[in-house]
Amino acid sequence: MGKRHSYIAGHKEDSFLPPEVIYINDRYAVVSNEWERITEKEEIISTIKMLLSEETAP
């Protein structure tokens, strides 16, 4: 069937705007339709990238 997004957890709220997908790497992405409300967006993304890189390190 091809690649698709799988969601682990989240808050479901109706919105007129589509969610913004930020790709962390070729396997993971972070999705939100309220990034403009999250002031720590860059810190969150960089922390997730760091944690995932540590997970895949030999």
N, C-alpha and C. Protein backbone atom coordinates (compact mmCIF):
# COMPACT_ATOMS: atom_id res chain seq x y z
N MET A 1 0.80 -1.21 0.00
CA MET A 1 0.00 0.00 0.00
C MET A 1 0.84 1.27 0.00
N GLY A 2 2.14 1.16 0.24
CA GLY A 2 2.99 2.35 0.23
C GLY A 2 3.20 2.93 1.60
N LYS A 3 3.95 4.02 1.63
CA LYS A 3 4.25 4.68 2.90
C LYS A 3 3.05 5.48 3.37
N ARG A 4 2.92 5.56 4.69
CA ARG A 4 1.85 6.34 5.28
C ARG A 4 2.30 6.84 6.63
N HIS A 5 1.61 7.82 7.16
CA HIS A 5 1.91 8.32 8.49
C HIS A 5 1.18 7.49 9.52
N SER A 6 1.86 7.16 10.60
CA SER A 6 1.25 6.51 11.75
C SER A 6 1.36 7.48 12.92
N TYR A 7 0.27 7.66 13.63
CA TYR A 7 0.25 8.63 14.71
C TYR A 7 0.32 7.90 16.05
N ILE A 8 1.22 8.37 16.91
CA ILE A 8 1.40 7.75 18.22
C ILE A 8 0.44 8.36 19.22
N ALA A 9 0.39 9.67 19.31
CA ALA A 9 -0.48 10.34 20.28
C ALA A 9 -0.81 11.71 19.74
N GLY A 10 -1.86 12.28 20.26
CA GLY A 10 -2.17 13.62 19.83
C GLY A 10 -3.53 14.08 20.30
N HIS A 11 -3.78 15.31 20.00
CA HIS A 11 -5.03 15.96 20.36
C HIS A 11 -5.82 16.18 19.09
N LYS A 12 -7.02 15.70 19.05
CA LYS A 12 -7.86 15.82 17.85
C LYS A 12 -8.82 16.97 18.05
N GLU A 13 -8.65 17.98 17.21
CA GLU A 13 -9.55 19.13 17.24
C GLU A 13 -9.82 19.53 15.79
N ASP A 14 -11.05 19.80 15.48
CA ASP A 14 -11.39 20.19 14.12
C ASP A 14 -10.71 21.51 13.77
N SER A 15 -10.18 21.57 12.56
CA SER A 15 -9.50 22.76 12.09
C SER A 15 -9.74 22.90 10.60
N PHE A 16 -9.78 24.13 10.16
CA PHE A 16 -9.96 24.38 8.73
C PHE A 16 -8.64 24.26 7.99
N LEU A 17 -7.54 24.42 8.71
CA LEU A 17 -6.23 24.34 8.09
C LEU A 17 -5.66 22.94 8.22
N PRO A 18 -4.93 22.50 7.21
CA PRO A 18 -4.30 21.17 7.31
C PRO A 18 -3.14 21.21 8.31
N PRO A 19 -2.82 20.08 8.91
CA PRO A 19 -1.69 20.05 9.84
C PRO A 19 -0.37 20.25 9.09
N GLU A 20 0.59 20.86 9.79
CA GLU A 20 1.92 21.05 9.22
C GLU A 20 2.79 19.86 9.62
N VAL A 21 3.41 19.25 8.64
CA VAL A 21 4.28 18.10 8.87
C VAL A 21 5.73 18.58 8.79
N ILE A 22 6.50 18.30 9.85
CA ILE A 22 7.92 18.63 9.88
C ILE A 22 8.67 17.31 9.93
N TYR A 23 9.42 17.03 8.88
CA TYR A 23 10.15 15.77 8.81
C TYR A 23 11.43 15.86 9.64
N ILE A 24 11.59 14.89 10.52
CA ILE A 24 12.78 14.81 11.37
C ILE A 24 13.89 14.08 10.63
N ASN A 25 13.54 12.98 10.01
CA ASN A 25 14.46 12.21 9.17
C ASN A 25 13.61 11.43 8.18
N ASP A 26 14.19 10.47 7.50
CA ASP A 26 13.43 9.73 6.48
C ASP A 26 12.39 8.79 7.08
N ARG A 27 12.41 8.61 8.40
CA ARG A 27 11.46 7.70 9.03
C ARG A 27 10.43 8.39 9.92
N TYR A 28 10.80 9.51 10.52
CA TYR A 28 9.94 10.17 11.49
C TYR A 28 9.59 11.59 11.09
N ALA A 29 8.40 12.01 11.53
CA ALA A 29 7.94 13.38 11.33
C ALA A 29 7.13 13.80 12.55
N VAL A 30 7.02 15.10 12.73
CA VAL A 30 6.20 15.66 13.80
C VAL A 30 5.09 16.44 13.12
N VAL A 31 3.86 16.26 13.61
CA VAL A 31 2.71 16.86 12.97
C VAL A 31 1.92 17.70 13.98
N SER A 32 1.55 18.90 13.57
CA SER A 32 0.70 19.74 14.41
C SER A 32 -0.04 20.73 13.53
N ASN A 33 -1.23 21.09 13.95
CA ASN A 33 -1.95 22.14 13.24
C ASN A 33 -1.93 23.44 14.05
N GLU A 34 -1.09 23.46 15.09
CA GLU A 34 -0.99 24.65 15.93
C GLU A 34 0.45 25.03 16.24
N TRP A 35 1.35 24.89 15.28
CA TRP A 35 2.75 25.23 15.50
C TRP A 35 2.91 26.69 15.89
N GLU A 36 2.05 27.56 15.38
CA GLU A 36 2.18 28.99 15.67
C GLU A 36 1.96 29.29 17.16
N ARG A 37 1.30 28.39 17.87
CA ARG A 37 1.06 28.56 19.31
C ARG A 37 2.20 28.00 20.15
N ILE A 38 3.11 27.24 19.55
CA ILE A 38 4.20 26.60 20.27
C ILE A 38 5.44 27.48 20.12
N THR A 39 5.83 28.15 21.21
CA THR A 39 6.96 29.08 21.14
C THR A 39 8.30 28.34 21.11
N GLU A 40 8.33 27.11 21.58
CA GLU A 40 9.58 26.34 21.65
C GLU A 40 9.74 25.40 20.46
N LYS A 41 9.15 25.72 19.34
CA LYS A 41 9.14 24.82 18.18
C LYS A 41 10.54 24.35 17.79
N GLU A 42 11.48 25.27 17.64
CA GLU A 42 12.84 24.91 17.20
C GLU A 42 13.53 24.02 18.23
N GLU A 43 13.35 24.32 19.51
CA GLU A 43 13.96 23.51 20.56
C GLU A 43 13.38 22.10 20.57
N ILE A 44 12.09 21.99 20.37
CA ILE A 44 11.43 20.68 20.34
C ILE A 44 11.97 19.85 19.18
N ILE A 45 12.04 20.45 18.00
CA ILE A 45 12.51 19.73 16.81
C ILE A 45 13.97 19.31 16.98
N SER A 46 14.83 20.21 17.48
CA SER A 46 16.24 19.85 17.64
C SER A 46 16.43 18.78 18.71
N THR A 47 15.64 18.81 19.77
CA THR A 47 15.72 17.78 20.81
C THR A 47 15.30 16.42 20.26
N ILE A 48 14.25 16.38 19.50
CA ILE A 48 13.79 15.12 18.91
C ILE A 48 14.86 14.57 17.96
N LYS A 49 15.44 15.45 17.14
CA LYS A 49 16.50 15.01 16.23
C LYS A 49 17.69 14.44 17.00
N MET A 50 18.08 15.11 18.09
CA MET A 50 19.19 14.64 18.89
C MET A 50 18.88 13.26 19.50
N LEU A 51 17.69 13.11 20.06
CA LEU A 51 17.32 11.84 20.67
C LEU A 51 17.28 10.71 19.65
N LEU A 52 16.77 10.99 18.47
CA LEU A 52 16.71 9.96 17.43
C LEU A 52 18.11 9.62 16.93
N SER A 53 19.00 10.59 16.85
CA SER A 53 20.36 10.30 16.39
C SER A 53 21.10 9.44 17.43
N GLU A 54 20.84 9.67 18.71
CA GLU A 54 21.44 8.85 19.76
C GLU A 54 20.90 7.42 19.71
N GLU A 55 19.64 7.29 19.36
CA GLU A 55 18.99 5.98 19.27
C GLU A 55 19.59 5.14 18.16
N THR A 56 19.97 5.78 17.06
CA THR A 56 20.49 5.04 15.90
C THR A 56 22.01 4.95 15.89
N ALA A 57 22.68 5.60 16.85
CA ALA A 57 24.15 5.55 16.89
C ALA A 57 24.61 4.15 17.30
N PRO A 58 25.73 3.68 16.72
CA PRO A 58 26.22 2.33 17.05
C PRO A 58 26.74 2.23 18.47
